Structure formats: C-alpha cells, structure tokens
Amino acid sequence: MVCYLKGTPATGLFFPCSTSFCLKAYSDADWASCVDSRKFISGFCIFLGDALISWKTKKQAIVSRSSVEAKYQSRGGTLCKLLWISYIPRDFGVPLQTPVPMFCDNKAVLHITANHVFHEIRKHLDIDCHIVCDQYKLGFVDHSFVRGKDQIANILTKSLSAPFLHLLSKLALFSLAPSPSCGGSVGLMHAQLGGGAAAVAQFHLDAG
C-alpha cells in the first residue's frame, strides 16, 4: 500500500459533467479474511454515471458462517448507503432513475433476494435480508450478476496483483500531475470509462 501511495501522489477522481444521472453499486465481502479472528471484510463502490462518489471498506465486528452470509451483510450496508444518497437529489427535486443496479458476483445471494428465501439465518442477517428484499420489491434496486474479474468492489476487500490494475482502471482515477511537454500549464487525463471507451480531458493548472 505504501508503495502504491508513493507512486500515485497526484492521482485523483474525475467527475465528468456529461455523466448520466444514474446510480449503480458494487458490493463484495472477503469471507473469513482475518487470520486471527476470521471476521470478514466488506466493501462497496457507488457510482453516479461513470463517477465514483462513495466507497467504503471495513472489517466487520462479527464472524459469518459462510461467504453467502458475508456478502449478503455487505449488500445490506450498501443498500442503506444507496438509500441515503438517493435522498440528496430528491431534496433538490431532481428525478433519480430506478431501479438502481446492485452488482454481485455470487448467484446464491441473488437467489435469496429474488425468492425471499430465509433458511437457518441469524437475526442480524435476517434484518439485512428483509431490507434488501423489501427495496427489491419496491423497485428501488435491481440485483445483477457480475463476473468476479469485473467485480470492482474486490479492490476494497482482497489482496490483488495483476487484477488490481484492471479494476483500478474502472474507478475513473486520473493523474493530475502537469504534463512536462506542456510547460506545467496544461495536462491530459486518461481513464477507462463505461464500456471500456477511453476518455481524455484537458485541464489547466496555475504554474504558481
């Protein structure tokens, strides 16, 4: 992590003005990832169009008995954050497109949501199940499957090597350092956005 931070001091997020006003979320969990306690790490990324606007990673305070439990608890937390974010545009009278896609790489989790199946689950997970299923029935969210290699939230929950760069390109991160060829006043930012299309934006910096 220290090496990554040292090598990317000028990297930042880019918020394009042309982005669509649609929310989407990726949630994931790394089951029993803590060697000492076997507690799991959860994480989520929430986008507005192509812009990353909210993210979180956290080691949970409880131990889950399966990867399905861990991932479902992560989805419950992600949904609560989505609901909170959705209130902001509504307060300004801006319509928000629904349902909001929530991407998951575990088909068992999606099956529980679609069929409202609760078998031998504990009380805290039961609450998450009801929250997620209720919002699914109300049409606020739509639960979609995503392949593991395209699960952006993996970057927040797992130790990655080569896949790290692939997922990093989907976060719309840009180098904000000035271009030496332009005398320090103008630079170019590049990133992979949407369906893999390359976006280039020009910006001006004060030579100061």
N, C-alpha and C. Protein backbone atom coordinates (compact mmCIF):
# COMPACT_ATOMS: atom_id res chain seq x y z
N MET A 1 0.82 -1.20 0.00
CA MET A 1 0.00 0.00 0.00
C MET A 1 0.86 1.25 0.00
N VAL A 2 1.93 1.23 0.80
CA VAL A 2 2.82 2.39 0.87
C VAL A 2 3.46 2.66 -0.48
N CYS A 3 3.87 1.58 -1.16
CA CYS A 3 4.48 1.74 -2.49
C CYS A 3 3.48 2.34 -3.48
N TYR A 4 2.22 1.89 -3.40
CA TYR A 4 1.20 2.43 -4.30
C TYR A 4 0.98 3.92 -4.03
N LEU A 5 0.87 4.31 -2.77
CA LEU A 5 0.66 5.71 -2.42
C LEU A 5 1.84 6.57 -2.85
N LYS A 6 3.04 6.03 -2.70
CA LYS A 6 4.23 6.77 -3.10
C LYS A 6 4.27 6.98 -4.61
N GLY A 7 3.79 5.99 -5.35
CA GLY A 7 3.84 6.08 -6.81
C GLY A 7 2.69 6.83 -7.44
N THR A 8 1.67 7.17 -6.65
CA THR A 8 0.50 7.86 -7.21
C THR A 8 0.10 9.08 -6.37
N PRO A 9 1.03 9.98 -6.08
CA PRO A 9 0.70 11.13 -5.22
C PRO A 9 -0.26 12.12 -5.88
N ALA A 10 -0.30 12.14 -7.21
CA ALA A 10 -1.13 13.13 -7.91
C ALA A 10 -2.38 12.52 -8.52
N THR A 11 -2.72 11.30 -8.12
CA THR A 11 -3.89 10.64 -8.68
C THR A 11 -5.16 11.10 -7.98
N GLY A 12 -6.20 11.38 -8.76
CA GLY A 12 -7.45 11.85 -8.17
C GLY A 12 -8.65 11.38 -8.96
N LEU A 13 -9.82 11.64 -8.44
CA LEU A 13 -11.07 11.27 -9.10
C LEU A 13 -11.50 12.35 -10.08
N PHE A 14 -12.14 11.92 -11.16
CA PHE A 14 -12.62 12.84 -12.19
C PHE A 14 -14.14 12.74 -12.25
N PHE A 15 -14.81 13.88 -12.22
CA PHE A 15 -16.27 13.91 -12.27
C PHE A 15 -16.71 14.62 -13.55
N PRO A 16 -16.96 13.87 -14.63
CA PRO A 16 -17.34 14.47 -15.91
C PRO A 16 -18.72 15.09 -15.86
N CYS A 17 -18.86 16.27 -16.46
CA CYS A 17 -20.16 16.96 -16.45
C CYS A 17 -21.17 16.26 -17.35
N SER A 18 -20.71 15.42 -18.25
CA SER A 18 -21.61 14.75 -19.19
C SER A 18 -22.10 13.39 -18.69
N THR A 19 -21.75 13.05 -17.45
CA THR A 19 -22.12 11.73 -16.95
C THR A 19 -23.64 11.62 -16.78
N SER A 20 -24.15 10.42 -16.95
CA SER A 20 -25.59 10.20 -16.79
C SER A 20 -25.96 10.24 -15.31
N PHE A 21 -27.20 10.64 -15.04
CA PHE A 21 -27.64 10.77 -13.65
C PHE A 21 -28.27 9.46 -13.20
N CYS A 22 -27.45 8.42 -13.19
CA CYS A 22 -27.92 7.08 -12.80
C CYS A 22 -26.97 6.50 -11.77
N LEU A 23 -27.50 6.00 -10.69
CA LEU A 23 -26.69 5.36 -9.66
C LEU A 23 -26.47 3.89 -10.01
N LYS A 24 -25.34 3.36 -9.58
CA LYS A 24 -25.08 1.93 -9.64
C LYS A 24 -24.11 1.59 -8.52
N ALA A 25 -24.18 0.36 -8.03
CA ALA A 25 -23.37 -0.01 -6.88
C ALA A 25 -22.78 -1.40 -7.06
N TYR A 26 -21.58 -1.58 -6.50
CA TYR A 26 -20.92 -2.88 -6.45
C TYR A 26 -20.62 -3.18 -4.98
N SER A 27 -21.00 -4.35 -4.51
CA SER A 27 -20.71 -4.73 -3.12
C SER A 27 -20.07 -6.11 -3.09
N ASP A 28 -19.19 -6.31 -2.11
CA ASP A 28 -18.50 -7.59 -2.02
C ASP A 28 -18.02 -7.80 -0.58
N ALA A 29 -17.61 -9.01 -0.28
CA ALA A 29 -17.06 -9.33 1.03
C ALA A 29 -16.03 -10.44 0.87
N ASP A 30 -14.98 -10.37 1.65
CA ASP A 30 -13.95 -11.40 1.66
C ASP A 30 -14.14 -12.23 2.92
N TRP A 31 -14.76 -13.39 2.77
CA TRP A 31 -15.17 -14.20 3.92
C TRP A 31 -13.99 -14.71 4.72
N ALA A 32 -14.06 -14.57 6.06
CA ALA A 32 -13.06 -15.10 6.99
C ALA A 32 -11.65 -14.68 6.63
N SER A 33 -11.50 -13.46 6.16
CA SER A 33 -10.21 -12.99 5.67
C SER A 33 -9.21 -12.67 6.78
N CYS A 34 -9.70 -12.35 7.98
CA CYS A 34 -8.80 -12.05 9.09
C CYS A 34 -8.29 -13.36 9.68
N VAL A 35 -7.00 -13.59 9.62
CA VAL A 35 -6.42 -14.85 10.09
C VAL A 35 -6.62 -15.04 11.59
N ASP A 36 -6.57 -13.97 12.34
CA ASP A 36 -6.66 -14.07 13.80
C ASP A 36 -8.09 -14.27 14.30
N SER A 37 -9.03 -13.53 13.73
CA SER A 37 -10.41 -13.58 14.23
C SER A 37 -11.41 -14.23 13.28
N ARG A 38 -11.02 -14.42 12.02
CA ARG A 38 -11.88 -14.94 10.96
C ARG A 38 -13.08 -14.05 10.69
N LYS A 39 -12.98 -12.80 11.06
CA LYS A 39 -14.01 -11.83 10.69
C LYS A 39 -13.80 -11.44 9.24
N PHE A 40 -14.87 -11.04 8.57
CA PHE A 40 -14.77 -10.76 7.14
C PHE A 40 -14.64 -9.26 6.88
N ILE A 41 -14.14 -8.95 5.71
CA ILE A 41 -14.01 -7.57 5.27
C ILE A 41 -15.05 -7.30 4.20
N SER A 42 -15.81 -6.25 4.37
CA SER A 42 -16.82 -5.87 3.38
C SER A 42 -16.40 -4.58 2.68
N GLY A 43 -16.95 -4.38 1.51
CA GLY A 43 -16.63 -3.16 0.77
C GLY A 43 -17.67 -2.87 -0.29
N PHE A 44 -17.80 -1.60 -0.63
CA PHE A 44 -18.71 -1.23 -1.71
C PHE A 44 -18.19 -0.01 -2.45
N CYS A 45 -18.62 0.11 -3.71
CA CYS A 45 -18.35 1.28 -4.54
C CYS A 45 -19.68 1.73 -5.13
N ILE A 46 -19.97 3.01 -5.05
CA ILE A 46 -21.20 3.55 -5.62
C ILE A 46 -20.84 4.61 -6.65
N PHE A 47 -21.43 4.49 -7.83
CA PHE A 47 -21.15 5.41 -8.93
C PHE A 47 -22.38 6.22 -9.28
N LEU A 48 -22.15 7.45 -9.69
CA LEU A 48 -23.19 8.27 -10.33
C LEU A 48 -22.75 8.42 -11.77
N GLY A 49 -23.39 7.69 -12.66
CA GLY A 49 -22.89 7.60 -14.03
C GLY A 49 -21.55 6.88 -14.01
N ASP A 50 -20.52 7.54 -14.53
CA ASP A 50 -19.17 6.96 -14.54
C ASP A 50 -18.31 7.48 -13.41
N ALA A 51 -18.85 8.32 -12.55
CA ALA A 51 -18.07 8.95 -11.49
C ALA A 51 -18.26 8.20 -10.17
N LEU A 52 -17.15 7.86 -9.54
CA LEU A 52 -17.18 7.22 -8.23
C LEU A 52 -17.48 8.27 -7.17
N ILE A 53 -18.58 8.11 -6.44
CA ILE A 53 -18.98 9.13 -5.46
C ILE A 53 -18.97 8.63 -4.02
N SER A 54 -18.95 7.32 -3.81
CA SER A 54 -18.93 6.81 -2.44
C SER A 54 -18.29 5.43 -2.42
N TRP A 55 -17.48 5.18 -1.40
CA TRP A 55 -16.85 3.88 -1.27
C TRP A 55 -16.49 3.64 0.19
N LYS A 56 -16.37 2.38 0.56
CA LYS A 56 -16.05 2.04 1.95
C LYS A 56 -15.54 0.62 2.04
N THR A 57 -14.58 0.40 2.90
CA THR A 57 -14.12 -0.95 3.24
C THR A 57 -14.01 -1.04 4.75
N LYS A 58 -14.41 -2.17 5.31
CA LYS A 58 -14.46 -2.28 6.77
C LYS A 58 -14.36 -3.74 7.20
N LYS A 59 -13.59 -3.98 8.27
CA LYS A 59 -13.60 -5.30 8.88
C LYS A 59 -14.77 -5.35 9.84
N GLN A 60 -15.66 -6.31 9.63
CA GLN A 60 -16.89 -6.38 10.42
C GLN A 60 -16.63 -6.90 11.83
N ALA A 61 -17.54 -6.60 12.72
CA ALA A 61 -17.37 -6.95 14.14
C ALA A 61 -17.82 -8.37 14.45
N ILE A 62 -18.41 -9.05 13.48
CA ILE A 62 -18.93 -10.40 13.71
C ILE A 62 -18.31 -11.39 12.73
N VAL A 63 -18.44 -12.66 13.05
CA VAL A 63 -17.95 -13.73 12.19
C VAL A 63 -19.13 -14.34 11.44
N SER A 64 -18.99 -14.49 10.14
CA SER A 64 -20.04 -15.11 9.32
C SER A 64 -19.72 -16.58 9.09
N ARG A 65 -20.76 -17.38 8.98
CA ARG A 65 -20.57 -18.81 8.81
C ARG A 65 -20.34 -19.22 7.37
N SER A 66 -20.62 -18.34 6.43
CA SER A 66 -20.44 -18.68 5.02
C SER A 66 -20.18 -17.42 4.22
N SER A 67 -19.69 -17.60 2.99
CA SER A 67 -19.45 -16.46 2.12
C SER A 67 -20.76 -15.79 1.72
N VAL A 68 -21.84 -16.58 1.64
CA VAL A 68 -23.15 -16.00 1.30
C VAL A 68 -23.61 -15.04 2.39
N GLU A 69 -23.44 -15.45 3.65
CA GLU A 69 -23.79 -14.57 4.77
C GLU A 69 -22.99 -13.28 4.70
N ALA A 70 -21.68 -13.42 4.48
CA ALA A 70 -20.81 -12.24 4.45
C ALA A 70 -21.20 -11.29 3.33
N LYS A 71 -21.43 -11.84 2.14
CA LYS A 71 -21.78 -10.99 1.00
C LYS A 71 -23.15 -10.35 1.18
N TYR A 72 -24.08 -11.07 1.81
CA TYR A 72 -25.42 -10.50 2.00
C TYR A 72 -25.39 -9.37 3.02
N GLN A 73 -24.60 -9.53 4.07
CA GLN A 73 -24.46 -8.45 5.03
C GLN A 73 -23.84 -7.22 4.37
N SER A 74 -22.89 -7.45 3.49
CA SER A 74 -22.28 -6.34 2.77
C SER A 74 -23.31 -5.63 1.91
N ARG A 75 -24.22 -6.39 1.29
CA ARG A 75 -25.26 -5.79 0.45
C ARG A 75 -26.24 -4.97 1.28
N GLY A 76 -26.51 -5.44 2.49
CA GLY A 76 -27.40 -4.68 3.36
C GLY A 76 -26.84 -3.31 3.68
N GLY A 77 -25.54 -3.26 3.99
CA GLY A 77 -24.89 -1.98 4.26
C GLY A 77 -24.84 -1.09 3.04
N THR A 78 -24.59 -1.70 1.88
CA THR A 78 -24.54 -0.93 0.63
C THR A 78 -25.90 -0.33 0.30
N LEU A 79 -26.94 -1.10 0.50
CA LEU A 79 -28.29 -0.61 0.22
C LEU A 79 -28.66 0.57 1.12
N CYS A 80 -28.30 0.50 2.39
CA CYS A 80 -28.58 1.62 3.30
C CYS A 80 -27.88 2.89 2.84
N LYS A 81 -26.65 2.74 2.34
CA LYS A 81 -25.93 3.90 1.82
C LYS A 81 -26.58 4.43 0.56
N LEU A 82 -27.03 3.53 -0.31
CA LEU A 82 -27.72 3.94 -1.53
C LEU A 82 -28.99 4.73 -1.22
N LEU A 83 -29.74 4.26 -0.25
CA LEU A 83 -30.96 4.96 0.14
C LEU A 83 -30.65 6.37 0.63
N TRP A 84 -29.60 6.50 1.43
CA TRP A 84 -29.22 7.82 1.95
C TRP A 84 -28.82 8.75 0.81
N ILE A 85 -28.02 8.23 -0.14
CA ILE A 85 -27.58 9.04 -1.28
C ILE A 85 -28.77 9.45 -2.14
N SER A 86 -29.75 8.57 -2.29
CA SER A 86 -30.89 8.87 -3.16
C SER A 86 -31.74 10.03 -2.63
N TYR A 87 -31.66 10.29 -1.32
CA TYR A 87 -32.44 11.40 -0.76
C TYR A 87 -31.89 12.76 -1.19
N ILE A 88 -30.61 12.84 -1.52
CA ILE A 88 -29.99 14.12 -1.85
C ILE A 88 -30.60 14.73 -3.12
N PRO A 89 -30.60 14.01 -4.27
CA PRO A 89 -31.23 14.61 -5.47
C PRO A 89 -32.73 14.84 -5.29
N ARG A 90 -33.39 13.98 -4.53
CA ARG A 90 -34.82 14.15 -4.31
C ARG A 90 -35.11 15.45 -3.55
N ASP A 91 -34.23 15.81 -2.62
CA ASP A 91 -34.41 17.06 -1.87
C ASP A 91 -34.34 18.28 -2.79
N PHE A 92 -33.61 18.14 -3.90
CA PHE A 92 -33.49 19.24 -4.86
C PHE A 92 -34.49 19.11 -6.01
N GLY A 93 -35.37 18.15 -5.92
CA GLY A 93 -36.37 17.96 -6.95
C GLY A 93 -35.85 17.35 -8.23
N VAL A 94 -34.70 16.66 -8.15
CA VAL A 94 -34.11 16.03 -9.33
C VAL A 94 -34.53 14.56 -9.37
N PRO A 95 -35.16 14.11 -10.45
CA PRO A 95 -35.60 12.72 -10.53
C PRO A 95 -34.42 11.76 -10.61
N LEU A 96 -34.53 10.66 -9.92
CA LEU A 96 -33.49 9.65 -9.92
C LEU A 96 -34.00 8.40 -10.62
N GLN A 97 -33.22 7.91 -11.56
CA GLN A 97 -33.65 6.74 -12.33
C GLN A 97 -33.59 5.48 -11.46
N THR A 98 -34.68 4.76 -11.42
CA THR A 98 -34.74 3.50 -10.69
C THR A 98 -35.30 2.41 -11.60
N PRO A 99 -35.01 1.14 -11.35
CA PRO A 99 -34.25 0.64 -10.21
C PRO A 99 -32.75 0.87 -10.36
N VAL A 100 -32.08 0.97 -9.22
CA VAL A 100 -30.63 1.15 -9.19
C VAL A 100 -29.97 -0.23 -9.25
N PRO A 101 -29.11 -0.49 -10.23
CA PRO A 101 -28.46 -1.80 -10.29
C PRO A 101 -27.43 -1.98 -9.18
N MET A 102 -27.54 -3.10 -8.46
CA MET A 102 -26.56 -3.50 -7.45
C MET A 102 -25.90 -4.78 -7.93
N PHE A 103 -24.60 -4.71 -8.18
CA PHE A 103 -23.89 -5.84 -8.78
C PHE A 103 -23.26 -6.73 -7.71
N CYS A 104 -23.38 -8.04 -7.95
CA CYS A 104 -22.85 -9.04 -7.02
C CYS A 104 -22.29 -10.20 -7.83
N ASP A 105 -21.22 -10.84 -7.32
CA ASP A 105 -20.61 -11.95 -8.04
C ASP A 105 -20.98 -13.31 -7.44
N ASN A 106 -22.05 -13.34 -6.64
CA ASN A 106 -22.48 -14.59 -6.02
C ASN A 106 -23.95 -14.84 -6.36
N LYS A 107 -24.22 -15.88 -7.13
CA LYS A 107 -25.58 -16.15 -7.59
C LYS A 107 -26.50 -16.60 -6.45
N ALA A 108 -25.94 -17.22 -5.41
CA ALA A 108 -26.76 -17.64 -4.27
C ALA A 108 -27.36 -16.43 -3.57
N VAL A 109 -26.60 -15.35 -3.47
CA VAL A 109 -27.09 -14.12 -2.85
C VAL A 109 -28.24 -13.55 -3.67
N LEU A 110 -28.10 -13.56 -4.99
CA LEU A 110 -29.16 -13.05 -5.86
C LEU A 110 -30.41 -13.93 -5.76
N HIS A 111 -30.22 -15.22 -5.58
CA HIS A 111 -31.36 -16.14 -5.46
C HIS A 111 -32.15 -15.86 -4.18
N ILE A 112 -31.45 -15.59 -3.09
CA ILE A 112 -32.13 -15.28 -1.83
C ILE A 112 -32.99 -14.03 -1.99
N THR A 113 -32.45 -13.03 -2.67
CA THR A 113 -33.18 -11.78 -2.85
C THR A 113 -34.42 -11.97 -3.72
N ALA A 114 -34.26 -12.67 -4.83
CA ALA A 114 -35.36 -12.83 -5.78
C ALA A 114 -36.47 -13.73 -5.26
N ASN A 115 -36.12 -14.70 -4.41
CA ASN A 115 -37.11 -15.67 -3.96
C ASN A 115 -37.49 -15.54 -2.49
N HIS A 116 -36.90 -14.54 -1.84
CA HIS A 116 -37.22 -14.28 -0.43
C HIS A 116 -37.07 -15.56 0.40
N VAL A 117 -35.94 -16.23 0.23
CA VAL A 117 -35.69 -17.48 0.93
C VAL A 117 -34.84 -17.22 2.16
N PHE A 118 -35.30 -17.65 3.32
CA PHE A 118 -34.55 -17.49 4.56
C PHE A 118 -34.45 -18.85 5.25
N HIS A 119 -33.29 -19.44 5.23
CA HIS A 119 -33.10 -20.74 5.85
C HIS A 119 -31.94 -20.68 6.84
N GLU A 120 -32.24 -20.97 8.10
CA GLU A 120 -31.22 -21.09 9.13
C GLU A 120 -30.30 -19.88 9.16
N ILE A 121 -30.88 -18.69 9.11
CA ILE A 121 -30.07 -17.49 9.17
C ILE A 121 -30.26 -16.81 10.52
N ARG A 122 -29.24 -16.13 10.94
CA ARG A 122 -29.27 -15.48 12.24
C ARG A 122 -30.01 -14.14 12.17
N LYS A 123 -30.34 -13.61 13.36
CA LYS A 123 -31.20 -12.44 13.43
C LYS A 123 -30.62 -11.24 12.69
N HIS A 124 -29.30 -10.98 12.87
CA HIS A 124 -28.71 -9.81 12.23
C HIS A 124 -28.75 -9.93 10.71
N LEU A 125 -28.59 -11.16 10.20
CA LEU A 125 -28.65 -11.37 8.76
C LEU A 125 -30.10 -11.31 8.28
N ASP A 126 -31.01 -11.77 9.11
CA ASP A 126 -32.43 -11.71 8.77
C ASP A 126 -32.87 -10.27 8.51
N ILE A 127 -32.35 -9.34 9.30
CA ILE A 127 -32.68 -7.93 9.12
C ILE A 127 -32.17 -7.43 7.77
N ASP A 128 -30.91 -7.78 7.44
CA ASP A 128 -30.35 -7.38 6.14
C ASP A 128 -31.17 -7.96 5.00
N CYS A 129 -31.59 -9.22 5.15
CA CYS A 129 -32.38 -9.87 4.11
C CYS A 129 -33.69 -9.13 3.86
N HIS A 130 -34.35 -8.74 4.93
CA HIS A 130 -35.63 -8.05 4.78
C HIS A 130 -35.44 -6.66 4.17
N ILE A 131 -34.38 -5.96 4.56
CA ILE A 131 -34.12 -4.63 4.00
C ILE A 131 -33.89 -4.73 2.49
N VAL A 132 -33.02 -5.66 2.10
CA VAL A 132 -32.67 -5.81 0.68
C VAL A 132 -33.89 -6.28 -0.12
N CYS A 133 -34.59 -7.28 0.38
CA CYS A 133 -35.75 -7.82 -0.35
C CYS A 133 -36.88 -6.80 -0.46
N ASP A 134 -37.10 -6.03 0.60
CA ASP A 134 -38.17 -5.02 0.57
C ASP A 134 -37.90 -3.97 -0.50
N GLN A 135 -36.66 -3.49 -0.58
CA GLN A 135 -36.33 -2.47 -1.56
C GLN A 135 -36.33 -3.04 -2.98
N TYR A 136 -36.05 -4.34 -3.10
CA TYR A 136 -36.13 -5.00 -4.40
C TYR A 136 -37.59 -5.06 -4.86
N LYS A 137 -38.49 -5.39 -3.95
CA LYS A 137 -39.92 -5.46 -4.28
C LYS A 137 -40.49 -4.08 -4.60
N LEU A 138 -39.98 -3.06 -3.92
CA LEU A 138 -40.46 -1.69 -4.15
C LEU A 138 -39.93 -1.10 -5.45
N GLY A 139 -38.96 -1.79 -6.06
CA GLY A 139 -38.41 -1.32 -7.33
C GLY A 139 -37.30 -0.30 -7.21
N PHE A 140 -36.76 -0.13 -5.99
CA PHE A 140 -35.66 0.83 -5.82
C PHE A 140 -34.35 0.28 -6.36
N VAL A 141 -34.12 -1.01 -6.17
CA VAL A 141 -32.88 -1.63 -6.64
C VAL A 141 -33.19 -2.83 -7.52
N ASP A 142 -32.22 -3.15 -8.36
CA ASP A 142 -32.29 -4.35 -9.19
C ASP A 142 -30.98 -5.09 -8.98
N HIS A 143 -31.05 -6.36 -8.68
CA HIS A 143 -29.85 -7.12 -8.34
C HIS A 143 -29.32 -7.83 -9.58
N SER A 144 -28.09 -7.51 -9.94
CA SER A 144 -27.49 -8.01 -11.18
C SER A 144 -26.22 -8.79 -10.87
N PHE A 145 -25.97 -9.80 -11.69
CA PHE A 145 -24.77 -10.62 -11.54
C PHE A 145 -23.62 -10.00 -12.32
N VAL A 146 -22.43 -10.04 -11.73
CA VAL A 146 -21.23 -9.58 -12.40
C VAL A 146 -20.14 -10.63 -12.18
N ARG A 147 -19.35 -10.88 -13.19
CA ARG A 147 -18.27 -11.86 -13.05
C ARG A 147 -17.24 -11.38 -12.03
N GLY A 148 -16.61 -12.34 -11.36
CA GLY A 148 -15.65 -11.99 -10.32
C GLY A 148 -14.55 -11.07 -10.79
N LYS A 149 -14.08 -11.26 -12.02
CA LYS A 149 -12.98 -10.42 -12.51
C LYS A 149 -13.41 -8.99 -12.79
N ASP A 150 -14.73 -8.77 -12.90
CA ASP A 150 -15.25 -7.43 -13.14
C ASP A 150 -15.92 -6.84 -11.90
N GLN A 151 -15.78 -7.52 -10.76
CA GLN A 151 -16.36 -7.03 -9.51
C GLN A 151 -15.44 -5.93 -8.94
N ILE A 152 -15.83 -4.69 -9.16
CA ILE A 152 -14.98 -3.56 -8.77
C ILE A 152 -14.73 -3.52 -7.28
N ALA A 153 -15.70 -3.96 -6.48
CA ALA A 153 -15.54 -3.91 -5.02
C ALA A 153 -14.44 -4.84 -4.52
N ASN A 154 -13.97 -5.76 -5.38
CA ASN A 154 -12.86 -6.64 -4.99
C ASN A 154 -11.62 -5.84 -4.61
N ILE A 155 -11.49 -4.68 -5.20
CA ILE A 155 -10.30 -3.86 -4.95
C ILE A 155 -10.27 -3.37 -3.50
N LEU A 156 -11.42 -3.41 -2.82
CA LEU A 156 -11.52 -2.95 -1.44
C LEU A 156 -11.51 -4.08 -0.42
N THR A 157 -11.63 -5.32 -0.89
CA THR A 157 -11.76 -6.43 0.06
C THR A 157 -10.68 -7.49 -0.07
N LYS A 158 -9.95 -7.51 -1.17
CA LYS A 158 -9.00 -8.59 -1.39
C LYS A 158 -7.62 -8.06 -1.78
N SER A 159 -6.61 -8.89 -1.52
CA SER A 159 -5.26 -8.57 -1.97
C SER A 159 -5.14 -8.99 -3.43
N LEU A 160 -4.88 -8.04 -4.30
CA LEU A 160 -4.84 -8.31 -5.73
C LEU A 160 -3.48 -7.93 -6.30
N SER A 161 -3.08 -8.62 -7.34
CA SER A 161 -1.83 -8.27 -8.02
C SER A 161 -2.16 -7.71 -9.40
N ALA A 162 -2.13 -8.57 -10.42
CA ALA A 162 -2.45 -8.10 -11.78
C ALA A 162 -3.89 -7.60 -11.90
N PRO A 163 -4.89 -8.27 -11.29
CA PRO A 163 -6.27 -7.77 -11.41
C PRO A 163 -6.46 -6.38 -10.82
N PHE A 164 -5.55 -5.96 -9.94
CA PHE A 164 -5.68 -4.65 -9.30
C PHE A 164 -5.70 -3.54 -10.34
N LEU A 165 -4.81 -3.60 -11.32
CA LEU A 165 -4.74 -2.56 -12.33
C LEU A 165 -5.98 -2.57 -13.22
N HIS A 166 -6.51 -3.76 -13.50
CA HIS A 166 -7.72 -3.87 -14.31
C HIS A 166 -8.90 -3.20 -13.60
N LEU A 167 -9.05 -3.46 -12.31
CA LEU A 167 -10.15 -2.88 -11.55
C LEU A 167 -9.92 -1.39 -11.30
N LEU A 168 -8.67 -1.02 -11.11
CA LEU A 168 -8.35 0.39 -10.86
C LEU A 168 -8.75 1.25 -12.05
N SER A 169 -8.63 0.71 -13.25
CA SER A 169 -8.98 1.47 -14.45
C SER A 169 -10.47 1.77 -14.52
N LYS A 170 -11.28 0.99 -13.80
CA LYS A 170 -12.73 1.19 -13.82
C LYS A 170 -13.20 2.21 -12.79
N LEU A 171 -12.29 2.72 -11.97
CA LEU A 171 -12.67 3.69 -10.94
C LEU A 171 -12.58 5.13 -11.43
N ALA A 172 -12.21 5.34 -12.68
CA ALA A 172 -12.10 6.69 -13.25
C ALA A 172 -11.12 7.54 -12.47
N LEU A 173 -9.96 6.96 -12.15
CA LEU A 173 -8.89 7.70 -11.48
C LEU A 173 -7.97 8.31 -12.53
N PHE A 174 -7.51 9.53 -12.28
CA PHE A 174 -6.68 10.24 -13.22
C PHE A 174 -5.43 10.76 -12.54
N SER A 175 -4.37 10.87 -13.30
CA SER A 175 -3.17 11.54 -12.81
C SER A 175 -3.34 13.03 -13.04
N LEU A 176 -3.28 13.81 -11.96
CA LEU A 176 -3.47 15.25 -12.05
C LEU A 176 -2.15 15.99 -12.18
N ALA A 177 -1.06 15.26 -12.36
CA ALA A 177 0.25 15.89 -12.49
C ALA A 177 0.33 16.63 -13.81
N PRO A 178 0.99 17.81 -13.86
CA PRO A 178 1.13 18.56 -15.11
C PRO A 178 2.00 17.83 -16.10
N SER A 179 1.71 18.02 -17.36
CA SER A 179 2.48 17.38 -18.42
C SER A 179 3.77 18.16 -18.67
N PRO A 180 4.95 17.52 -18.56
CA PRO A 180 6.22 18.22 -18.78
C PRO A 180 6.31 18.83 -20.17
N SER A 181 5.70 18.19 -21.16
CA SER A 181 5.79 18.68 -22.54
C SER A 181 5.01 19.97 -22.74
N CYS A 182 4.13 20.30 -21.77
CA CYS A 182 3.31 21.50 -21.90
C CYS A 182 3.74 22.60 -20.95
N GLY A 183 4.95 22.48 -20.43
CA GLY A 183 5.48 23.54 -19.58
C GLY A 183 4.80 23.66 -18.24
N GLY A 184 4.11 22.63 -17.80
CA GLY A 184 3.50 22.64 -16.49
C GLY A 184 2.17 23.37 -16.43
N SER A 185 1.66 23.84 -17.56
CA SER A 185 0.41 24.60 -17.52
C SER A 185 -0.79 23.79 -17.98
N VAL A 186 -0.56 22.80 -18.82
CA VAL A 186 -1.65 22.01 -19.36
C VAL A 186 -1.30 20.54 -19.24
N GLY A 187 -2.26 19.73 -18.90
CA GLY A 187 -2.02 18.30 -18.80
C GLY A 187 -3.17 17.53 -19.41
N LEU A 188 -2.97 16.25 -19.58
CA LEU A 188 -4.02 15.38 -20.11
C LEU A 188 -4.32 14.30 -19.10
N MET A 189 -5.59 13.96 -18.97
CA MET A 189 -6.00 12.91 -18.07
C MET A 189 -6.64 11.80 -18.89
N HIS A 190 -6.29 10.55 -18.56
CA HIS A 190 -6.82 9.41 -19.29
C HIS A 190 -7.43 8.43 -18.30
N ALA A 191 -8.49 7.78 -18.70
CA ALA A 191 -9.08 6.73 -17.87
C ALA A 191 -10.00 5.87 -18.71
N GLN A 192 -10.30 4.70 -18.19
CA GLN A 192 -11.26 3.81 -18.82
C GLN A 192 -12.62 4.10 -18.21
N LEU A 193 -13.59 4.46 -19.03
CA LEU A 193 -14.93 4.78 -18.54
C LEU A 193 -15.96 3.91 -19.24
N GLY A 194 -17.06 3.69 -18.53
CA GLY A 194 -18.20 2.98 -19.12
C GLY A 194 -17.80 1.63 -19.68
N GLY A 195 -18.13 1.42 -20.96
CA GLY A 195 -17.90 0.13 -21.58
C GLY A 195 -16.51 -0.02 -22.14
N GLY A 196 -15.51 0.57 -21.50
CA GLY A 196 -14.14 0.43 -21.93
C GLY A 196 -13.67 1.53 -22.85
N ALA A 197 -14.53 2.51 -23.14
CA ALA A 197 -14.13 3.60 -24.03
C ALA A 197 -13.16 4.52 -23.32
N ALA A 198 -12.13 4.92 -24.00
CA ALA A 198 -11.13 5.80 -23.39
C ALA A 198 -11.61 7.24 -23.43
N ALA A 199 -11.51 7.89 -22.30
CA ALA A 199 -11.92 9.29 -22.20
C ALA A 199 -10.70 10.14 -21.92
N VAL A 200 -10.61 11.28 -22.59
CA VAL A 200 -9.49 12.19 -22.41
C VAL A 200 -10.03 13.57 -22.11
N ALA A 201 -9.53 14.17 -21.05
CA ALA A 201 -9.97 15.51 -20.67
C ALA A 201 -8.76 16.42 -20.52
N GLN A 202 -8.89 17.66 -20.95
CA GLN A 202 -7.80 18.62 -20.87
C GLN A 202 -8.10 19.58 -19.72
N PHE A 203 -7.08 19.89 -18.95
CA PHE A 203 -7.26 20.80 -17.84
C PHE A 203 -6.07 21.74 -17.75
N HIS A 204 -6.27 22.89 -17.10
CA HIS A 204 -5.24 23.90 -16.96
C HIS A 204 -4.83 24.04 -15.50
N LEU A 205 -3.54 24.21 -15.27
CA LEU A 205 -3.02 24.37 -13.92
C LEU A 205 -2.25 25.68 -13.83
N ASP A 206 -2.29 26.31 -12.67
CA ASP A 206 -1.50 27.51 -12.45
C ASP A 206 -0.06 27.11 -12.22
N ALA A 207 0.84 27.76 -12.94
CA ALA A 207 2.25 27.45 -12.79
C ALA A 207 2.76 27.91 -11.43
N GLY A 208 2.03 28.92 -10.85
CA GLY A 208 2.22 29.38 -9.50
C GLY A 208 3.60 29.60 -9.09
